[in-house]
Amino acid sequence: MTDPVPRPSRARIATPGDLRDLAGDFAHQVEIDVRFADTDAMGHVNNAKYLTYCEMARIRYWTDVTGEPIASGHEGAESLILAEARITYRAPVFHGERVTVETRATRLGRTSFVLEHRLTARMPDETPRLVATSESVMVRYDYATERPTPLGHVFVAAIERYEGRTLA
């Protein structure tokens, strides 16, 4: 495992006056350009694509924070699996916009951890607006034994160092 990437100093994306927004800072950000193929017959991004955007952010968060890539195969490898995903839609997103997915860890368990995602969208030179919030439960999984496996102190330390606080 390589040394984890240090926590970036990023300003929180502002969504002025939106009471549905999540409080607090997010250290990790992924920007995604919305493709025409992401839209549905109604002309806005299909609801399932929001979860794909969160998936992209989860994978980048793990590799950026721990230095460990997600295993490409599953024979005997330890990796992560998604155990649960919840999303709350706040506004539609359209082709040509840029979605920013901010991610932070909120809880660490023995074999799992929880990530919270905040999705904003904007056209160039526009103010971002909140479009969704999401929560993902990730489990460290051993494909050889087909069982969850402990996160391990190295991963816990990397996540807590990146988040700048102890997580329980």
N, C-alpha and C. Protein backbone atom coordinates (compact mmCIF):
# COMPACT_ATOMS: atom_id res chain seq x y z
N MET A 1 0.85 -1.16 0.00
CA MET A 1 0.00 0.00 0.00
C MET A 1 0.90 1.23 0.00
N THR A 2 0.53 2.23 -0.77
CA THR A 2 1.29 3.47 -0.82
C THR A 2 0.80 4.42 0.27
N ASP A 3 1.61 5.45 0.52
CA ASP A 3 1.17 6.45 1.49
C ASP A 3 -0.07 7.14 0.97
N PRO A 4 -1.05 7.38 1.84
CA PRO A 4 -2.27 8.04 1.39
C PRO A 4 -2.00 9.48 1.00
N VAL A 5 -2.84 9.96 0.10
CA VAL A 5 -2.74 11.34 -0.35
C VAL A 5 -3.15 12.25 0.80
N PRO A 6 -2.39 13.32 1.05
CA PRO A 6 -2.78 14.23 2.13
C PRO A 6 -4.11 14.89 1.84
N ARG A 7 -4.79 15.26 2.90
CA ARG A 7 -6.10 15.88 2.79
C ARG A 7 -5.98 17.22 2.05
N PRO A 8 -6.74 17.37 0.96
CA PRO A 8 -6.66 18.63 0.23
C PRO A 8 -7.38 19.74 0.98
N SER A 9 -6.96 20.96 0.73
CA SER A 9 -7.68 22.09 1.33
C SER A 9 -8.59 22.65 0.26
N ARG A 10 -9.85 22.30 0.34
CA ARG A 10 -10.83 22.73 -0.66
C ARG A 10 -11.94 23.50 0.03
N ALA A 11 -12.38 24.53 -0.63
CA ALA A 11 -13.51 25.29 -0.11
C ALA A 11 -14.79 24.51 -0.40
N ARG A 12 -15.70 24.58 0.52
CA ARG A 12 -16.99 23.94 0.36
C ARG A 12 -17.76 24.62 -0.76
N ILE A 13 -18.43 23.84 -1.57
CA ILE A 13 -19.26 24.40 -2.63
C ILE A 13 -20.50 25.00 -1.99
N ALA A 14 -20.77 26.23 -2.28
CA ALA A 14 -21.88 26.94 -1.65
C ALA A 14 -23.18 26.70 -2.42
N THR A 15 -24.24 26.44 -1.68
CA THR A 15 -25.59 26.42 -2.24
C THR A 15 -26.42 27.36 -1.37
N PRO A 16 -26.33 28.64 -1.65
CA PRO A 16 -26.92 29.66 -0.77
C PRO A 16 -28.39 29.42 -0.47
N GLY A 17 -28.70 29.44 0.82
CA GLY A 17 -30.08 29.41 1.26
C GLY A 17 -30.81 28.09 1.13
N ASP A 18 -30.17 27.01 0.74
CA ASP A 18 -30.85 25.72 0.58
C ASP A 18 -30.82 24.98 1.91
N LEU A 19 -31.94 24.95 2.60
CA LEU A 19 -32.03 24.34 3.93
C LEU A 19 -31.92 22.82 3.89
N ARG A 20 -32.02 22.22 2.71
CA ARG A 20 -31.91 20.77 2.57
C ARG A 20 -30.47 20.31 2.44
N ASP A 21 -29.54 21.26 2.39
CA ASP A 21 -28.12 20.97 2.22
C ASP A 21 -27.56 20.27 3.46
N LEU A 22 -26.45 19.55 3.29
CA LEU A 22 -25.76 18.90 4.39
C LEU A 22 -24.77 19.87 5.02
N ALA A 23 -24.75 19.91 6.32
CA ALA A 23 -23.83 20.81 7.03
C ALA A 23 -22.44 20.22 7.06
N GLY A 24 -21.45 21.07 7.21
CA GLY A 24 -20.08 20.62 7.39
C GLY A 24 -19.28 20.55 6.10
N ASP A 25 -17.99 20.26 6.29
CA ASP A 25 -17.05 20.25 5.17
C ASP A 25 -16.91 18.87 4.55
N PHE A 26 -16.57 18.87 3.28
CA PHE A 26 -16.23 17.67 2.53
C PHE A 26 -14.84 17.88 1.95
N ALA A 27 -13.91 17.01 2.26
CA ALA A 27 -12.54 17.18 1.78
C ALA A 27 -12.35 16.65 0.37
N HIS A 28 -13.18 15.71 -0.05
CA HIS A 28 -12.97 15.05 -1.34
C HIS A 28 -14.00 15.50 -2.36
N GLN A 29 -13.54 15.80 -3.56
CA GLN A 29 -14.43 16.22 -4.64
C GLN A 29 -14.07 15.51 -5.94
N VAL A 30 -15.11 15.15 -6.68
CA VAL A 30 -14.96 14.60 -8.02
C VAL A 30 -15.89 15.39 -8.92
N GLU A 31 -15.37 15.86 -10.04
CA GLU A 31 -16.19 16.60 -11.00
C GLU A 31 -16.49 15.71 -12.19
N ILE A 32 -17.76 15.75 -12.64
CA ILE A 32 -18.22 14.89 -13.73
C ILE A 32 -18.99 15.74 -14.72
N ASP A 33 -18.59 15.69 -15.98
CA ASP A 33 -19.33 16.37 -17.04
C ASP A 33 -20.49 15.48 -17.46
N VAL A 34 -21.69 16.03 -17.47
CA VAL A 34 -22.88 15.26 -17.83
C VAL A 34 -22.91 15.04 -19.34
N ARG A 35 -22.99 13.78 -19.72
CA ARG A 35 -23.05 13.42 -21.13
C ARG A 35 -24.51 13.37 -21.58
N PHE A 36 -24.73 13.53 -22.86
CA PHE A 36 -26.08 13.41 -23.41
C PHE A 36 -26.64 12.02 -23.11
N ALA A 37 -25.77 10.99 -23.14
CA ALA A 37 -26.20 9.61 -22.88
C ALA A 37 -26.69 9.42 -21.44
N ASP A 38 -26.37 10.35 -20.55
CA ASP A 38 -26.83 10.26 -19.16
C ASP A 38 -28.29 10.68 -19.00
N THR A 39 -28.85 11.31 -20.03
CA THR A 39 -30.21 11.85 -19.93
C THR A 39 -31.24 10.83 -20.40
N ASP A 40 -32.48 11.06 -19.98
CA ASP A 40 -33.56 10.16 -20.36
C ASP A 40 -34.54 10.88 -21.28
N ALA A 41 -35.67 10.25 -21.55
CA ALA A 41 -36.66 10.81 -22.48
C ALA A 41 -37.24 12.13 -22.00
N MET A 42 -37.11 12.42 -20.72
CA MET A 42 -37.63 13.68 -20.18
C MET A 42 -36.61 14.81 -20.32
N GLY A 43 -35.40 14.49 -20.79
CA GLY A 43 -34.39 15.51 -21.03
C GLY A 43 -33.49 15.82 -19.85
N HIS A 44 -33.68 15.12 -18.75
CA HIS A 44 -32.79 15.33 -17.60
C HIS A 44 -32.05 14.04 -17.28
N VAL A 45 -31.04 14.15 -16.43
CA VAL A 45 -30.24 12.97 -16.07
C VAL A 45 -31.13 11.92 -15.43
N ASN A 46 -31.01 10.69 -15.91
CA ASN A 46 -31.77 9.58 -15.37
C ASN A 46 -31.41 9.37 -13.90
N ASN A 47 -32.40 9.03 -13.09
CA ASN A 47 -32.19 8.89 -11.64
C ASN A 47 -31.09 7.89 -11.29
N ALA A 48 -30.92 6.84 -12.06
CA ALA A 48 -29.89 5.83 -11.77
C ALA A 48 -28.48 6.40 -11.97
N LYS A 49 -28.33 7.37 -12.83
CA LYS A 49 -27.01 7.96 -13.10
C LYS A 49 -26.46 8.68 -11.87
N TYR A 50 -27.33 9.24 -11.04
CA TYR A 50 -26.87 9.89 -9.82
C TYR A 50 -26.08 8.89 -8.97
N LEU A 51 -26.58 7.65 -8.92
CA LEU A 51 -25.88 6.61 -8.16
C LEU A 51 -24.57 6.23 -8.84
N THR A 52 -24.52 6.28 -10.16
CA THR A 52 -23.27 6.03 -10.87
C THR A 52 -22.26 7.12 -10.54
N TYR A 53 -22.71 8.37 -10.45
CA TYR A 53 -21.81 9.46 -10.08
C TYR A 53 -21.26 9.24 -8.66
N CYS A 54 -22.13 8.77 -7.76
CA CYS A 54 -21.66 8.46 -6.39
C CYS A 54 -20.66 7.30 -6.41
N GLU A 55 -20.90 6.32 -7.26
CA GLU A 55 -19.97 5.19 -7.38
C GLU A 55 -18.59 5.68 -7.82
N MET A 56 -18.56 6.56 -8.81
CA MET A 56 -17.29 7.11 -9.27
C MET A 56 -16.57 7.82 -8.12
N ALA A 57 -17.32 8.56 -7.33
CA ALA A 57 -16.74 9.29 -6.20
C ALA A 57 -16.24 8.33 -5.12
N ARG A 58 -17.00 7.25 -4.83
CA ARG A 58 -16.59 6.27 -3.82
C ARG A 58 -15.26 5.63 -4.18
N ILE A 59 -15.12 5.22 -5.43
CA ILE A 59 -13.89 4.55 -5.87
C ILE A 59 -12.71 5.52 -5.78
N ARG A 60 -12.91 6.74 -6.25
CA ARG A 60 -11.83 7.73 -6.18
C ARG A 60 -11.49 8.07 -4.74
N TYR A 61 -12.50 8.18 -3.87
CA TYR A 61 -12.24 8.47 -2.45
C TYR A 61 -11.33 7.38 -1.87
N TRP A 62 -11.70 6.11 -2.06
CA TRP A 62 -10.92 5.01 -1.48
C TRP A 62 -9.49 5.03 -1.99
N THR A 63 -9.30 5.14 -3.29
CA THR A 63 -7.94 5.09 -3.82
C THR A 63 -7.14 6.34 -3.44
N ASP A 64 -7.79 7.50 -3.44
CA ASP A 64 -7.09 8.73 -3.06
C ASP A 64 -6.70 8.73 -1.58
N VAL A 65 -7.57 8.23 -0.73
CA VAL A 65 -7.35 8.29 0.72
C VAL A 65 -6.43 7.18 1.21
N THR A 66 -6.63 5.96 0.71
CA THR A 66 -5.85 4.83 1.23
C THR A 66 -4.66 4.47 0.35
N GLY A 67 -4.67 4.88 -0.90
CA GLY A 67 -3.62 4.50 -1.83
C GLY A 67 -3.82 3.11 -2.42
N GLU A 68 -4.89 2.43 -2.02
CA GLU A 68 -5.16 1.08 -2.53
C GLU A 68 -6.19 1.15 -3.66
N PRO A 69 -5.85 0.59 -4.82
CA PRO A 69 -6.85 0.55 -5.89
C PRO A 69 -7.93 -0.49 -5.59
N ILE A 70 -9.10 -0.29 -6.15
CA ILE A 70 -10.15 -1.30 -6.06
C ILE A 70 -9.71 -2.49 -6.88
N ALA A 71 -9.82 -3.70 -6.32
CA ALA A 71 -9.38 -4.91 -7.03
C ALA A 71 -10.19 -5.09 -8.31
N SER A 72 -9.49 -5.36 -9.42
CA SER A 72 -10.19 -5.52 -10.70
C SER A 72 -10.78 -6.92 -10.85
N GLY A 73 -10.22 -7.90 -10.17
CA GLY A 73 -10.76 -9.26 -10.19
C GLY A 73 -11.24 -9.60 -8.80
N HIS A 74 -11.79 -10.77 -8.64
CA HIS A 74 -12.26 -11.13 -7.31
C HIS A 74 -11.70 -12.45 -6.80
N GLU A 75 -10.90 -13.14 -7.58
CA GLU A 75 -10.34 -14.41 -7.13
C GLU A 75 -9.30 -14.19 -6.04
N GLY A 76 -9.68 -14.43 -4.79
CA GLY A 76 -8.75 -14.34 -3.68
C GLY A 76 -8.42 -12.94 -3.24
N ALA A 77 -9.01 -11.95 -3.84
CA ALA A 77 -8.66 -10.56 -3.52
C ALA A 77 -9.56 -10.01 -2.41
N GLU A 78 -8.99 -9.09 -1.65
CA GLU A 78 -9.79 -8.29 -0.73
C GLU A 78 -10.09 -6.98 -1.43
N SER A 79 -11.31 -6.53 -1.29
CA SER A 79 -11.69 -5.27 -1.90
C SER A 79 -12.89 -4.72 -1.15
N LEU A 80 -13.62 -3.85 -1.80
CA LEU A 80 -14.81 -3.26 -1.20
C LEU A 80 -16.04 -3.67 -1.97
N ILE A 81 -17.13 -3.84 -1.25
CA ILE A 81 -18.43 -4.04 -1.89
C ILE A 81 -19.40 -3.03 -1.31
N LEU A 82 -20.37 -2.66 -2.11
CA LEU A 82 -21.42 -1.75 -1.68
C LEU A 82 -22.51 -2.57 -0.99
N ALA A 83 -22.77 -2.27 0.28
CA ALA A 83 -23.79 -2.99 1.03
C ALA A 83 -25.13 -2.27 1.00
N GLU A 84 -25.09 -0.94 0.93
CA GLU A 84 -26.32 -0.16 0.97
C GLU A 84 -26.08 1.20 0.33
N ALA A 85 -27.09 1.70 -0.37
CA ALA A 85 -27.03 3.05 -0.93
C ALA A 85 -28.40 3.69 -0.77
N ARG A 86 -28.37 4.91 -0.31
CA ARG A 86 -29.61 5.69 -0.16
C ARG A 86 -29.37 7.04 -0.82
N ILE A 87 -30.37 7.51 -1.55
CA ILE A 87 -30.22 8.80 -2.22
C ILE A 87 -31.50 9.61 -2.07
N THR A 88 -31.34 10.89 -1.91
CA THR A 88 -32.46 11.82 -1.87
C THR A 88 -32.26 12.82 -3.01
N TYR A 89 -33.20 12.82 -3.94
CA TYR A 89 -33.11 13.70 -5.09
C TYR A 89 -33.66 15.08 -4.72
N ARG A 90 -32.96 16.11 -5.14
CA ARG A 90 -33.35 17.48 -4.81
C ARG A 90 -33.69 18.32 -6.02
N ALA A 91 -33.05 18.06 -7.17
CA ALA A 91 -33.29 18.86 -8.38
C ALA A 91 -32.80 18.09 -9.60
N PRO A 92 -33.38 18.37 -10.77
CA PRO A 92 -32.90 17.69 -11.98
C PRO A 92 -31.55 18.24 -12.44
N VAL A 93 -30.85 17.41 -13.19
CA VAL A 93 -29.57 17.77 -13.80
C VAL A 93 -29.73 17.58 -15.31
N PHE A 94 -29.05 18.43 -16.09
CA PHE A 94 -29.23 18.42 -17.54
C PHE A 94 -27.91 18.26 -18.28
N HIS A 95 -28.01 17.78 -19.52
CA HIS A 95 -26.84 17.65 -20.38
C HIS A 95 -26.10 18.99 -20.46
N GLY A 96 -24.78 18.91 -20.42
CA GLY A 96 -23.96 20.11 -20.50
C GLY A 96 -23.57 20.68 -19.16
N GLU A 97 -24.23 20.21 -18.08
CA GLU A 97 -23.87 20.69 -16.76
C GLU A 97 -22.68 19.89 -16.22
N ARG A 98 -22.07 20.43 -15.19
CA ARG A 98 -21.00 19.73 -14.48
C ARG A 98 -21.51 19.40 -13.08
N VAL A 99 -21.42 18.12 -12.72
CA VAL A 99 -21.81 17.66 -11.39
C VAL A 99 -20.55 17.54 -10.54
N THR A 100 -20.61 18.06 -9.33
CA THR A 100 -19.53 17.86 -8.37
C THR A 100 -20.06 16.97 -7.27
N VAL A 101 -19.37 15.86 -7.01
CA VAL A 101 -19.74 14.96 -5.93
C VAL A 101 -18.70 15.15 -4.83
N GLU A 102 -19.16 15.67 -3.70
CA GLU A 102 -18.31 15.82 -2.52
C GLU A 102 -18.55 14.60 -1.63
N THR A 103 -17.48 14.05 -1.07
CA THR A 103 -17.59 12.82 -0.29
C THR A 103 -16.83 12.96 1.02
N ARG A 104 -17.40 12.38 2.07
CA ARG A 104 -16.71 12.31 3.36
C ARG A 104 -17.14 11.04 4.08
N ALA A 105 -16.22 10.50 4.88
CA ALA A 105 -16.55 9.36 5.75
C ALA A 105 -17.22 9.90 7.00
N THR A 106 -18.27 9.22 7.46
CA THR A 106 -18.98 9.66 8.66
C THR A 106 -18.92 8.66 9.80
N ARG A 107 -18.72 7.36 9.46
CA ARG A 107 -18.65 6.32 10.49
C ARG A 107 -17.72 5.21 10.03
N LEU A 108 -17.01 4.64 10.98
CA LEU A 108 -16.17 3.47 10.71
C LEU A 108 -16.61 2.35 11.64
N GLY A 109 -16.81 1.19 11.07
CA GLY A 109 -17.10 0.01 11.87
C GLY A 109 -15.94 -0.97 11.79
N ARG A 110 -16.17 -2.20 12.23
CA ARG A 110 -15.11 -3.20 12.20
C ARG A 110 -14.79 -3.63 10.77
N THR A 111 -15.83 -3.87 9.97
CA THR A 111 -15.63 -4.32 8.58
C THR A 111 -16.22 -3.34 7.57
N SER A 112 -16.86 -2.29 8.03
CA SER A 112 -17.56 -1.39 7.11
C SER A 112 -17.32 0.07 7.47
N PHE A 113 -17.71 0.93 6.54
CA PHE A 113 -17.68 2.36 6.79
C PHE A 113 -18.76 3.04 5.97
N VAL A 114 -19.15 4.23 6.42
CA VAL A 114 -20.23 4.98 5.77
C VAL A 114 -19.64 6.22 5.12
N LEU A 115 -20.04 6.42 3.86
CA LEU A 115 -19.67 7.63 3.13
C LEU A 115 -20.93 8.45 2.87
N GLU A 116 -20.79 9.74 3.01
CA GLU A 116 -21.87 10.67 2.71
C GLU A 116 -21.46 11.45 1.47
N HIS A 117 -22.42 11.65 0.56
CA HIS A 117 -22.15 12.35 -0.69
C HIS A 117 -23.10 13.54 -0.84
N ARG A 118 -22.56 14.60 -1.35
CA ARG A 118 -23.33 15.81 -1.63
C ARG A 118 -23.11 16.12 -3.10
N LEU A 119 -24.17 16.15 -3.90
CA LEU A 119 -24.07 16.40 -5.32
C LEU A 119 -24.62 17.77 -5.66
N THR A 120 -23.80 18.56 -6.35
CA THR A 120 -24.24 19.86 -6.85
C THR A 120 -24.04 19.86 -8.36
N ALA A 121 -24.78 20.72 -9.05
CA ALA A 121 -24.64 20.84 -10.51
C ALA A 121 -24.68 22.30 -10.90
N ARG A 122 -24.03 22.58 -12.04
CA ARG A 122 -24.04 23.95 -12.55
C ARG A 122 -23.61 23.95 -14.01
N MET A 123 -24.05 24.97 -14.70
CA MET A 123 -23.52 25.28 -16.02
C MET A 123 -22.30 26.16 -15.79
N PRO A 124 -21.39 26.25 -16.76
CA PRO A 124 -20.24 27.14 -16.57
C PRO A 124 -20.67 28.55 -16.18
N ASP A 125 -19.96 29.13 -15.25
CA ASP A 125 -20.21 30.50 -14.77
C ASP A 125 -21.53 30.68 -14.04
N GLU A 126 -22.14 29.60 -13.59
CA GLU A 126 -23.36 29.69 -12.79
C GLU A 126 -23.08 29.26 -11.37
N THR A 127 -23.96 29.65 -10.45
CA THR A 127 -23.87 29.22 -9.06
C THR A 127 -24.32 27.77 -8.95
N PRO A 128 -23.56 26.92 -8.25
CA PRO A 128 -23.99 25.52 -8.08
C PRO A 128 -25.29 25.43 -7.28
N ARG A 129 -26.06 24.41 -7.60
CA ARG A 129 -27.29 24.14 -6.85
C ARG A 129 -27.25 22.69 -6.36
N LEU A 130 -27.83 22.47 -5.20
CA LEU A 130 -27.91 21.12 -4.64
C LEU A 130 -28.84 20.28 -5.49
N VAL A 131 -28.38 19.09 -5.92
CA VAL A 131 -29.22 18.22 -6.73
C VAL A 131 -29.51 16.89 -6.05
N ALA A 132 -28.68 16.48 -5.09
CA ALA A 132 -28.94 15.22 -4.38
C ALA A 132 -28.00 15.10 -3.18
N THR A 133 -28.43 14.28 -2.23
CA THR A 133 -27.57 13.83 -1.14
C THR A 133 -27.68 12.31 -1.11
N SER A 134 -26.61 11.67 -0.68
CA SER A 134 -26.60 10.21 -0.70
C SER A 134 -25.73 9.68 0.44
N GLU A 135 -26.01 8.45 0.82
CA GLU A 135 -25.20 7.77 1.83
C GLU A 135 -24.93 6.36 1.32
N SER A 136 -23.67 5.92 1.44
CA SER A 136 -23.25 4.60 0.99
C SER A 136 -22.59 3.86 2.14
N VAL A 137 -22.95 2.59 2.30
CA VAL A 137 -22.27 1.73 3.27
C VAL A 137 -21.38 0.78 2.49
N MET A 138 -20.08 0.87 2.78
CA MET A 138 -19.08 0.05 2.10
C MET A 138 -18.57 -1.01 3.06
N VAL A 139 -18.35 -2.21 2.56
CA VAL A 139 -17.85 -3.31 3.37
C VAL A 139 -16.54 -3.82 2.75
N ARG A 140 -15.55 -3.99 3.62
CA ARG A 140 -14.30 -4.62 3.20
C ARG A 140 -14.60 -6.11 3.09
N TYR A 141 -14.32 -6.71 1.93
CA TYR A 141 -14.78 -8.06 1.64
C TYR A 141 -13.62 -8.91 1.12
N ASP A 142 -13.56 -10.14 1.63
CA ASP A 142 -12.55 -11.10 1.20
C ASP A 142 -13.22 -12.09 0.25
N TYR A 143 -12.86 -12.01 -1.02
CA TYR A 143 -13.49 -12.89 -2.01
C TYR A 143 -13.06 -14.34 -1.85
N ALA A 144 -11.91 -14.61 -1.25
CA ALA A 144 -11.46 -15.99 -1.05
C ALA A 144 -12.34 -16.71 -0.04
N THR A 145 -12.70 -16.01 1.05
CA THR A 145 -13.53 -16.63 2.09
C THR A 145 -15.00 -16.31 1.92
N GLU A 146 -15.29 -15.37 1.01
CA GLU A 146 -16.67 -14.90 0.77
C GLU A 146 -17.31 -14.37 2.05
N ARG A 147 -16.50 -13.59 2.79
CA ARG A 147 -16.94 -13.01 4.07
C ARG A 147 -16.39 -11.60 4.20
N PRO A 148 -17.09 -10.77 4.97
CA PRO A 148 -16.50 -9.47 5.31
C PRO A 148 -15.21 -9.68 6.10
N THR A 149 -14.31 -8.75 5.97
CA THR A 149 -13.03 -8.82 6.67
C THR A 149 -12.76 -7.47 7.34
N PRO A 150 -12.04 -7.44 8.45
CA PRO A 150 -11.79 -6.17 9.13
C PRO A 150 -11.12 -5.13 8.23
N LEU A 151 -11.49 -3.89 8.44
CA LEU A 151 -10.87 -2.79 7.69
C LEU A 151 -9.37 -2.74 7.94
N GLY A 152 -8.96 -2.98 9.14
CA GLY A 152 -7.55 -2.94 9.48
C GLY A 152 -7.12 -1.54 9.90
N HIS A 153 -6.16 -1.50 10.82
CA HIS A 153 -5.77 -0.23 11.41
C HIS A 153 -5.13 0.73 10.40
N VAL A 154 -4.49 0.20 9.35
CA VAL A 154 -3.86 1.06 8.34
C VAL A 154 -4.92 1.86 7.59
N PHE A 155 -6.01 1.19 7.20
CA PHE A 155 -7.08 1.88 6.47
C PHE A 155 -7.84 2.84 7.38
N VAL A 156 -8.12 2.40 8.60
CA VAL A 156 -8.81 3.27 9.56
C VAL A 156 -7.98 4.54 9.80
N ALA A 157 -6.69 4.36 10.03
CA ALA A 157 -5.81 5.52 10.27
C ALA A 157 -5.78 6.45 9.06
N ALA A 158 -5.73 5.89 7.86
CA ALA A 158 -5.69 6.72 6.65
C ALA A 158 -6.97 7.54 6.50
N ILE A 159 -8.12 6.91 6.73
CA ILE A 159 -9.39 7.62 6.61
C ILE A 159 -9.50 8.70 7.67
N GLU A 160 -9.18 8.37 8.91
CA GLU A 160 -9.27 9.36 9.99
C GLU A 160 -8.30 10.52 9.78
N ARG A 161 -7.12 10.21 9.30
CA ARG A 161 -6.14 11.28 9.01
C ARG A 161 -6.68 12.19 7.91
N TYR A 162 -7.24 11.60 6.87
CA TYR A 162 -7.77 12.38 5.75
C TYR A 162 -8.95 13.25 6.20
N GLU A 163 -9.83 12.68 7.02
CA GLU A 163 -11.01 13.41 7.47
C GLU A 163 -10.66 14.40 8.58
N GLY A 164 -9.51 14.23 9.21
CA GLY A 164 -9.09 15.17 10.25
C GLY A 164 -9.79 14.98 11.57
N ARG A 165 -10.32 13.77 11.80
CA ARG A 165 -11.01 13.50 13.07
C ARG A 165 -11.14 11.98 13.27
N THR A 166 -11.40 11.61 14.51
CA THR A 166 -11.65 10.21 14.84
C THR A 166 -13.09 9.88 14.48
N LEU A 167 -13.27 8.74 13.85
CA LEU A 167 -14.62 8.29 13.45
C LEU A 167 -14.94 7.01 14.20
N ALA A 168 -16.17 6.90 14.64
CA ALA A 168 -16.60 5.68 15.36
C ALA A 168 -17.74 5.03 14.63
